[in-house]
Amino acid sequence: MPDFENETEFLDIETTGLGSDSYLTMCGILDSSGFKAYVRGDNLDQLVEDLHEYKLVVTFNGISFDVPWLRRELGPLRENAAHVDLMHVLRTVGLRGGLKKIQKTVGLDRGDDLSQLTGRDAVNLWNMAQNGEPNALKRLFATTPKTLLHSLV
């Protein structure tokens, strides 16, 4: 993607769950300059403005999950950026399931203990961080760029 290298973002969010009382805890963006974390209570409100920098958004299940959550929490998003949802792309070649299942199916070993973390673990890490556990947020951040990086393959 050399034509879009500086205008592409790989986006992933974390929430406290799926229910109506759940909320967005963080959004991770990976772009040509590196990883940026947008965290509730810190800089999450900056996300909408920063999204305007990109012409191409790449997600995994972002059409059904990430983008609706972002709209619900942050309001209207830039609508003229192209969106590639890798979940739908991978379905066209017969790969179904969550990202970790697909990675395993195609032989991608993430090679770390973070690959075993689930969405529930992400919620637990967020709650631990809110209760003062200093390393919990760092661990949560560490899961997001790995998920995004493995979306590139």
N, C-alpha and C. Protein backbone atom coordinates (compact mmCIF):
# COMPACT_ATOMS: atom_id res chain seq x y z
N MET A 1 0.81 -1.20 0.00
CA MET A 1 0.00 0.00 0.00
C MET A 1 0.85 1.26 0.00
N PRO A 2 1.87 1.35 -0.80
CA PRO A 2 2.72 2.54 -0.75
C PRO A 2 1.96 3.83 -1.04
N ASP A 3 0.92 3.78 -1.88
CA ASP A 3 0.18 4.99 -2.19
C ASP A 3 -0.60 5.52 -0.99
N PHE A 4 -0.95 4.63 -0.07
CA PHE A 4 -1.74 5.01 1.09
C PHE A 4 -0.98 4.89 2.39
N GLU A 5 0.30 4.62 2.32
CA GLU A 5 1.07 4.31 3.53
C GLU A 5 0.91 5.36 4.63
N ASN A 6 0.96 6.61 4.28
CA ASN A 6 0.87 7.68 5.29
C ASN A 6 -0.55 8.12 5.57
N GLU A 7 -1.52 7.49 4.91
CA GLU A 7 -2.91 7.88 5.08
C GLU A 7 -3.79 6.72 5.54
N THR A 8 -3.14 5.64 6.00
CA THR A 8 -3.85 4.44 6.42
C THR A 8 -3.72 4.24 7.92
N GLU A 9 -4.82 3.86 8.54
CA GLU A 9 -4.81 3.52 9.96
C GLU A 9 -5.40 2.14 10.14
N PHE A 10 -4.79 1.39 11.05
CA PHE A 10 -5.34 0.13 11.51
C PHE A 10 -5.92 0.42 12.88
N LEU A 11 -7.21 0.19 13.04
CA LEU A 11 -7.93 0.64 14.22
C LEU A 11 -8.52 -0.55 14.97
N ASP A 12 -8.44 -0.50 16.29
CA ASP A 12 -9.03 -1.53 17.14
C ASP A 12 -9.49 -0.85 18.42
N ILE A 13 -10.65 -1.28 18.93
CA ILE A 13 -11.15 -0.70 20.17
C ILE A 13 -11.28 -1.77 21.24
N GLU A 14 -11.38 -1.32 22.48
CA GLU A 14 -11.69 -2.17 23.62
C GLU A 14 -12.87 -1.53 24.35
N THR A 15 -13.77 -2.37 24.83
CA THR A 15 -14.94 -1.91 25.58
C THR A 15 -15.03 -2.70 26.88
N THR A 16 -15.94 -2.28 27.74
CA THR A 16 -16.15 -3.00 29.00
C THR A 16 -17.11 -4.17 28.83
N GLY A 17 -17.59 -4.38 27.65
CA GLY A 17 -18.51 -5.49 27.39
C GLY A 17 -19.35 -5.18 26.18
N LEU A 18 -20.48 -5.88 26.08
CA LEU A 18 -21.35 -5.72 24.92
C LEU A 18 -22.71 -5.14 25.28
N GLY A 19 -23.03 -5.04 26.55
CA GLY A 19 -24.34 -4.58 26.99
C GLY A 19 -24.54 -3.08 26.85
N SER A 20 -25.78 -2.67 27.07
CA SER A 20 -26.12 -1.25 26.92
C SER A 20 -25.44 -0.38 27.97
N ASP A 21 -25.01 -0.98 29.08
CA ASP A 21 -24.32 -0.21 30.10
C ASP A 21 -22.79 -0.24 29.93
N SER A 22 -22.33 -0.91 28.88
CA SER A 22 -20.89 -0.98 28.60
C SER A 22 -20.43 0.30 27.92
N TYR A 23 -19.13 0.52 27.95
CA TYR A 23 -18.60 1.73 27.32
C TYR A 23 -17.22 1.47 26.73
N LEU A 24 -16.81 2.37 25.87
CA LEU A 24 -15.52 2.33 25.21
C LEU A 24 -14.43 2.67 26.22
N THR A 25 -13.40 1.83 26.31
CA THR A 25 -12.31 2.12 27.24
C THR A 25 -11.09 2.69 26.53
N MET A 26 -10.82 2.18 25.34
CA MET A 26 -9.67 2.69 24.59
C MET A 26 -9.80 2.37 23.12
N CYS A 27 -9.06 3.11 22.33
CA CYS A 27 -8.94 2.85 20.90
C CYS A 27 -7.46 2.90 20.57
N GLY A 28 -7.01 1.90 19.85
CA GLY A 28 -5.63 1.87 19.39
C GLY A 28 -5.58 2.10 17.90
N ILE A 29 -4.65 2.92 17.48
CA ILE A 29 -4.43 3.16 16.05
C ILE A 29 -2.97 2.89 15.74
N LEU A 30 -2.78 2.10 14.71
CA LEU A 30 -1.44 1.84 14.21
C LEU A 30 -1.36 2.46 12.83
N ASP A 31 -0.37 3.33 12.63
CA ASP A 31 -0.17 3.93 11.32
C ASP A 31 1.32 3.95 11.01
N SER A 32 1.71 4.62 9.95
CA SER A 32 3.11 4.61 9.52
C SER A 32 4.05 5.22 10.55
N SER A 33 3.52 6.00 11.48
CA SER A 33 4.39 6.61 12.50
C SER A 33 4.45 5.79 13.78
N GLY A 34 3.62 4.74 13.90
CA GLY A 34 3.65 3.91 15.09
C GLY A 34 2.27 3.75 15.70
N PHE A 35 2.26 3.37 16.96
CA PHE A 35 1.03 3.09 17.69
C PHE A 35 0.62 4.27 18.55
N LYS A 36 -0.68 4.59 18.52
CA LYS A 36 -1.24 5.64 19.37
C LYS A 36 -2.40 5.03 20.16
N ALA A 37 -2.44 5.29 21.45
CA ALA A 37 -3.53 4.82 22.29
C ALA A 37 -4.38 6.01 22.72
N TYR A 38 -5.68 5.87 22.57
CA TYR A 38 -6.64 6.88 23.01
C TYR A 38 -7.44 6.24 24.15
N VAL A 39 -7.34 6.82 25.33
CA VAL A 39 -7.85 6.19 26.54
C VAL A 39 -8.93 7.05 27.19
N ARG A 40 -10.02 6.39 27.60
CA ARG A 40 -11.10 7.08 28.32
C ARG A 40 -10.51 7.77 29.55
N GLY A 41 -10.90 9.02 29.75
CA GLY A 41 -10.41 9.77 30.90
C GLY A 41 -9.06 10.43 30.68
N ASP A 42 -8.47 10.20 29.50
CA ASP A 42 -7.17 10.80 29.21
C ASP A 42 -7.26 11.60 27.91
N ASN A 43 -7.26 10.92 26.78
CA ASN A 43 -7.21 11.62 25.49
C ASN A 43 -8.20 11.07 24.47
N LEU A 44 -9.20 10.33 24.91
CA LEU A 44 -10.16 9.73 23.98
C LEU A 44 -10.89 10.77 23.14
N ASP A 45 -11.13 11.94 23.72
CA ASP A 45 -11.83 13.00 22.98
C ASP A 45 -11.02 13.52 21.80
N GLN A 46 -9.73 13.30 21.77
CA GLN A 46 -8.86 13.72 20.66
C GLN A 46 -9.01 12.81 19.45
N LEU A 47 -9.57 11.63 19.65
CA LEU A 47 -9.64 10.62 18.59
C LEU A 47 -10.38 11.11 17.35
N VAL A 48 -11.55 11.71 17.52
CA VAL A 48 -12.36 12.13 16.37
C VAL A 48 -11.56 13.07 15.48
N GLU A 49 -10.88 14.03 16.08
CA GLU A 49 -10.06 14.97 15.30
C GLU A 49 -8.93 14.24 14.57
N ASP A 50 -8.27 13.33 15.26
CA ASP A 50 -7.15 12.62 14.66
C ASP A 50 -7.57 11.68 13.54
N LEU A 51 -8.80 11.18 13.60
CA LEU A 51 -9.28 10.29 12.54
C LEU A 51 -9.34 10.99 11.18
N HIS A 52 -9.44 12.31 11.19
CA HIS A 52 -9.51 13.06 9.94
C HIS A 52 -8.22 13.01 9.14
N GLU A 53 -7.13 12.55 9.74
CA GLU A 53 -5.85 12.46 9.05
C GLU A 53 -5.80 11.33 8.03
N TYR A 54 -6.74 10.39 8.10
CA TYR A 54 -6.63 9.16 7.34
C TYR A 54 -7.65 9.08 6.21
N LYS A 55 -7.22 8.46 5.11
CA LYS A 55 -8.12 8.21 3.98
C LYS A 55 -8.56 6.75 3.91
N LEU A 56 -7.84 5.88 4.64
CA LEU A 56 -8.16 4.46 4.63
C LEU A 56 -8.12 3.92 6.06
N VAL A 57 -9.19 3.26 6.46
CA VAL A 57 -9.30 2.65 7.78
C VAL A 57 -9.36 1.14 7.59
N VAL A 58 -8.53 0.40 8.34
CA VAL A 58 -8.53 -1.06 8.27
C VAL A 58 -8.86 -1.58 9.67
N THR A 59 -9.84 -2.48 9.73
CA THR A 59 -10.27 -3.06 11.01
C THR A 59 -10.49 -4.56 10.84
N PHE A 60 -10.78 -5.22 11.93
CA PHE A 60 -11.29 -6.58 11.91
C PHE A 60 -12.61 -6.53 12.66
N ASN A 61 -13.70 -6.74 11.95
CA ASN A 61 -15.07 -6.62 12.47
C ASN A 61 -15.42 -5.18 12.83
N GLY A 62 -14.77 -4.25 12.20
CA GLY A 62 -15.01 -2.83 12.49
C GLY A 62 -16.34 -2.32 11.99
N ILE A 63 -16.85 -2.89 10.89
CA ILE A 63 -18.13 -2.44 10.36
C ILE A 63 -19.25 -2.72 11.36
N SER A 64 -19.21 -3.89 11.98
CA SER A 64 -20.27 -4.28 12.91
C SER A 64 -20.00 -3.88 14.35
N PHE A 65 -18.72 -3.73 14.72
CA PHE A 65 -18.40 -3.50 16.13
C PHE A 65 -17.72 -2.16 16.38
N ASP A 66 -16.51 -1.99 15.90
CA ASP A 66 -15.71 -0.81 16.25
C ASP A 66 -16.37 0.50 15.85
N VAL A 67 -16.77 0.61 14.59
CA VAL A 67 -17.32 1.89 14.10
C VAL A 67 -18.63 2.23 14.79
N PRO A 68 -19.59 1.30 14.94
CA PRO A 68 -20.81 1.66 15.69
C PRO A 68 -20.52 2.10 17.13
N TRP A 69 -19.57 1.44 17.79
CA TRP A 69 -19.21 1.86 19.15
C TRP A 69 -18.63 3.26 19.15
N LEU A 70 -17.75 3.54 18.22
CA LEU A 70 -17.15 4.87 18.16
C LEU A 70 -18.21 5.93 17.91
N ARG A 71 -19.14 5.66 17.02
CA ARG A 71 -20.22 6.62 16.75
C ARG A 71 -21.10 6.82 17.99
N ARG A 72 -21.40 5.74 18.67
CA ARG A 72 -22.24 5.81 19.86
C ARG A 72 -21.60 6.67 20.94
N GLU A 73 -20.30 6.52 21.11
CA GLU A 73 -19.59 7.21 22.19
C GLU A 73 -19.12 8.61 21.80
N LEU A 74 -18.70 8.77 20.54
CA LEU A 74 -18.02 10.00 20.15
C LEU A 74 -18.79 10.85 19.15
N GLY A 75 -19.90 10.35 18.63
CA GLY A 75 -20.68 11.10 17.66
C GLY A 75 -20.23 10.80 16.23
N PRO A 76 -20.60 11.66 15.30
CA PRO A 76 -20.30 11.42 13.89
C PRO A 76 -18.79 11.30 13.63
N LEU A 77 -18.46 10.38 12.75
CA LEU A 77 -17.07 10.17 12.34
C LEU A 77 -16.91 10.59 10.89
N ARG A 78 -15.69 10.73 10.48
CA ARG A 78 -15.41 11.06 9.08
C ARG A 78 -15.98 9.96 8.20
N GLU A 79 -16.86 10.32 7.30
CA GLU A 79 -17.54 9.33 6.47
C GLU A 79 -16.88 9.13 5.11
N ASN A 80 -15.92 9.96 4.74
CA ASN A 80 -15.35 9.82 3.40
C ASN A 80 -14.07 9.00 3.36
N ALA A 81 -13.67 8.42 4.48
CA ALA A 81 -12.52 7.52 4.48
C ALA A 81 -12.99 6.14 4.04
N ALA A 82 -12.23 5.50 3.18
CA ALA A 82 -12.54 4.12 2.78
C ALA A 82 -12.30 3.21 3.98
N HIS A 83 -13.10 2.16 4.07
CA HIS A 83 -13.00 1.24 5.21
C HIS A 83 -12.86 -0.19 4.68
N VAL A 84 -11.78 -0.85 5.06
CA VAL A 84 -11.58 -2.26 4.73
C VAL A 84 -11.74 -3.04 6.02
N ASP A 85 -12.77 -3.86 6.08
CA ASP A 85 -12.99 -4.73 7.23
C ASP A 85 -12.44 -6.10 6.87
N LEU A 86 -11.31 -6.45 7.45
CA LEU A 86 -10.64 -7.69 7.10
C LEU A 86 -11.47 -8.93 7.42
N MET A 87 -12.38 -8.84 8.37
CA MET A 87 -13.22 -9.99 8.66
C MET A 87 -14.03 -10.37 7.42
N HIS A 88 -14.59 -9.38 6.75
CA HIS A 88 -15.40 -9.65 5.56
C HIS A 88 -14.54 -10.07 4.38
N VAL A 89 -13.38 -9.48 4.26
CA VAL A 89 -12.46 -9.88 3.19
C VAL A 89 -12.06 -11.34 3.37
N LEU A 90 -11.71 -11.72 4.59
CA LEU A 90 -11.28 -13.09 4.85
C LEU A 90 -12.41 -14.10 4.67
N ARG A 91 -13.63 -13.70 4.93
CA ARG A 91 -14.78 -14.59 4.69
C ARG A 91 -14.90 -14.95 3.22
N THR A 92 -14.56 -14.02 2.34
CA THR A 92 -14.68 -14.30 0.91
C THR A 92 -13.72 -15.39 0.45
N VAL A 93 -12.68 -15.66 1.23
CA VAL A 93 -11.75 -16.75 0.90
C VAL A 93 -11.93 -17.94 1.85
N GLY A 94 -13.07 -17.97 2.54
CA GLY A 94 -13.42 -19.13 3.35
C GLY A 94 -12.91 -19.13 4.78
N LEU A 95 -12.34 -18.04 5.24
CA LEU A 95 -11.83 -17.97 6.61
C LEU A 95 -12.86 -17.28 7.49
N ARG A 96 -13.37 -18.03 8.48
CA ARG A 96 -14.41 -17.50 9.36
C ARG A 96 -13.98 -17.62 10.81
N GLY A 97 -14.60 -16.80 11.64
CA GLY A 97 -14.32 -16.83 13.07
C GLY A 97 -13.62 -15.56 13.50
N GLY A 98 -13.19 -15.55 14.74
CA GLY A 98 -12.47 -14.41 15.28
C GLY A 98 -11.05 -14.34 14.73
N LEU A 99 -10.40 -13.24 14.98
CA LEU A 99 -9.06 -13.02 14.45
C LEU A 99 -8.08 -14.08 14.96
N LYS A 100 -8.14 -14.42 16.23
CA LYS A 100 -7.22 -15.43 16.77
C LYS A 100 -7.43 -16.79 16.12
N LYS A 101 -8.69 -17.16 15.90
CA LYS A 101 -8.99 -18.43 15.25
C LYS A 101 -8.44 -18.44 13.82
N ILE A 102 -8.64 -17.36 13.11
CA ILE A 102 -8.14 -17.27 11.74
C ILE A 102 -6.62 -17.32 11.72
N GLN A 103 -5.99 -16.60 12.64
CA GLN A 103 -4.52 -16.65 12.71
C GLN A 103 -4.03 -18.07 12.91
N LYS A 104 -4.69 -18.80 13.79
CA LYS A 104 -4.30 -20.19 14.05
C LYS A 104 -4.52 -21.04 12.80
N THR A 105 -5.64 -20.84 12.12
CA THR A 105 -5.96 -21.60 10.92
C THR A 105 -4.90 -21.44 9.84
N VAL A 106 -4.39 -20.22 9.68
CA VAL A 106 -3.41 -19.96 8.62
C VAL A 106 -1.97 -20.09 9.10
N GLY A 107 -1.80 -20.52 10.35
CA GLY A 107 -0.45 -20.80 10.85
C GLY A 107 0.32 -19.60 11.34
N LEU A 108 -0.38 -18.56 11.75
CA LEU A 108 0.30 -17.39 12.31
C LEU A 108 0.38 -17.53 13.82
N ASP A 109 1.56 -17.72 14.32
CA ASP A 109 1.78 -17.81 15.76
C ASP A 109 2.23 -16.46 16.26
N ARG A 110 1.44 -15.85 17.12
CA ARG A 110 1.81 -14.54 17.65
C ARG A 110 3.01 -14.64 18.56
N GLY A 111 3.27 -15.82 19.10
CA GLY A 111 4.50 -16.06 19.82
C GLY A 111 4.65 -15.38 21.16
N ASP A 112 3.55 -15.09 21.84
CA ASP A 112 3.67 -14.48 23.17
C ASP A 112 2.46 -14.85 24.01
N ASP A 113 2.57 -14.56 25.31
CA ASP A 113 1.46 -14.89 26.20
C ASP A 113 0.25 -13.99 25.97
N LEU A 114 0.45 -12.85 25.32
CA LEU A 114 -0.67 -11.94 25.06
C LEU A 114 -1.66 -12.54 24.07
N SER A 115 -1.19 -13.47 23.25
CA SER A 115 -2.08 -14.07 22.25
C SER A 115 -3.18 -14.89 22.89
N GLN A 116 -3.02 -15.24 24.15
CA GLN A 116 -4.02 -16.04 24.85
C GLN A 116 -5.09 -15.17 25.53
N LEU A 117 -4.89 -13.86 25.55
CA LEU A 117 -5.86 -12.99 26.21
C LEU A 117 -7.15 -12.90 25.41
N THR A 118 -8.25 -12.84 26.13
CA THR A 118 -9.57 -12.75 25.51
C THR A 118 -10.13 -11.34 25.71
N GLY A 119 -11.30 -11.10 25.12
CA GLY A 119 -11.97 -9.83 25.34
C GLY A 119 -12.30 -9.62 26.81
N ARG A 120 -12.66 -10.69 27.50
CA ARG A 120 -12.94 -10.60 28.94
C ARG A 120 -11.68 -10.19 29.69
N ASP A 121 -10.52 -10.72 29.26
CA ASP A 121 -9.26 -10.34 29.90
C ASP A 121 -9.00 -8.84 29.72
N ALA A 122 -9.33 -8.31 28.55
CA ALA A 122 -9.15 -6.87 28.31
C ALA A 122 -10.01 -6.05 29.26
N VAL A 123 -11.24 -6.51 29.49
CA VAL A 123 -12.12 -5.83 30.45
C VAL A 123 -11.52 -5.89 31.85
N ASN A 124 -11.03 -7.06 32.23
CA ASN A 124 -10.41 -7.21 33.55
C ASN A 124 -9.19 -6.31 33.70
N LEU A 125 -8.37 -6.22 32.66
CA LEU A 125 -7.20 -5.33 32.71
C LEU A 125 -7.63 -3.88 32.89
N TRP A 126 -8.68 -3.46 32.17
CA TRP A 126 -9.19 -2.10 32.32
C TRP A 126 -9.64 -1.86 33.76
N ASN A 127 -10.41 -2.80 34.31
CA ASN A 127 -10.89 -2.65 35.68
C ASN A 127 -9.74 -2.60 36.67
N MET A 128 -8.73 -3.41 36.46
CA MET A 128 -7.55 -3.39 37.33
C MET A 128 -6.85 -2.03 37.25
N ALA A 129 -6.75 -1.48 36.05
CA ALA A 129 -6.12 -0.16 35.89
C ALA A 129 -6.92 0.91 36.61
N GLN A 130 -8.25 0.82 36.53
CA GLN A 130 -9.10 1.80 37.21
C GLN A 130 -8.99 1.69 38.72
N ASN A 131 -8.57 0.52 39.20
CA ASN A 131 -8.39 0.30 40.64
C ASN A 131 -6.96 0.52 41.09
N GLY A 132 -6.14 1.12 40.21
CA GLY A 132 -4.80 1.52 40.61
C GLY A 132 -3.67 0.57 40.29
N GLU A 133 -3.94 -0.52 39.59
CA GLU A 133 -2.87 -1.46 39.22
C GLU A 133 -2.04 -0.83 38.10
N PRO A 134 -0.79 -0.44 38.38
CA PRO A 134 0.00 0.35 37.42
C PRO A 134 0.34 -0.38 36.12
N ASN A 135 0.50 -1.67 36.14
CA ASN A 135 0.92 -2.38 34.92
C ASN A 135 -0.25 -2.86 34.07
N ALA A 136 -1.46 -2.77 34.57
CA ALA A 136 -2.61 -3.29 33.84
C ALA A 136 -2.84 -2.54 32.53
N LEU A 137 -2.76 -1.22 32.57
CA LEU A 137 -3.00 -0.44 31.36
C LEU A 137 -1.90 -0.70 30.33
N LYS A 138 -0.66 -0.83 30.79
CA LYS A 138 0.44 -1.14 29.87
C LYS A 138 0.20 -2.48 29.18
N ARG A 139 -0.27 -3.44 29.93
CA ARG A 139 -0.55 -4.77 29.36
C ARG A 139 -1.71 -4.69 28.36
N LEU A 140 -2.73 -3.90 28.68
CA LEU A 140 -3.84 -3.71 27.76
C LEU A 140 -3.36 -3.07 26.47
N PHE A 141 -2.52 -2.04 26.57
CA PHE A 141 -1.95 -1.40 25.38
C PHE A 141 -1.18 -2.41 24.54
N ALA A 142 -0.46 -3.28 25.21
CA ALA A 142 0.38 -4.25 24.50
C ALA A 142 -0.44 -5.22 23.67
N THR A 143 -1.68 -5.49 24.06
CA THR A 143 -2.49 -6.42 23.29
C THR A 143 -2.99 -5.79 22.00
N THR A 144 -3.29 -4.50 22.03
CA THR A 144 -3.92 -3.86 20.88
C THR A 144 -3.00 -3.77 19.67
N PRO A 145 -1.76 -3.27 19.78
CA PRO A 145 -0.94 -3.21 18.57
C PRO A 145 -0.64 -4.59 17.99
N LYS A 146 -0.56 -5.61 18.83
CA LYS A 146 -0.31 -6.95 18.31
C LYS A 146 -1.51 -7.41 17.48
N THR A 147 -2.71 -7.14 17.94
CA THR A 147 -3.90 -7.48 17.16
C THR A 147 -3.88 -6.73 15.84
N LEU A 148 -3.57 -5.45 15.89
CA LEU A 148 -3.53 -4.65 14.67
C LEU A 148 -2.45 -5.13 13.71
N LEU A 149 -1.27 -5.40 14.23
CA LEU A 149 -0.18 -5.86 13.37
C LEU A 149 -0.52 -7.17 12.69
N HIS A 150 -1.20 -8.05 13.39
CA HIS A 150 -1.55 -9.33 12.78
C HIS A 150 -2.70 -9.19 11.79
N SER A 151 -3.37 -8.07 11.79
CA SER A 151 -4.37 -7.80 10.76
C SER A 151 -3.71 -7.50 9.42
N LEU A 152 -2.46 -7.10 9.45
CA LEU A 152 -1.75 -6.76 8.22
C LEU A 152 -1.48 -7.97 7.34
N VAL A 153 -1.39 -9.13 7.95
CA VAL A 153 -1.01 -10.34 7.21
C VAL A 153 -2.21 -10.91 6.49
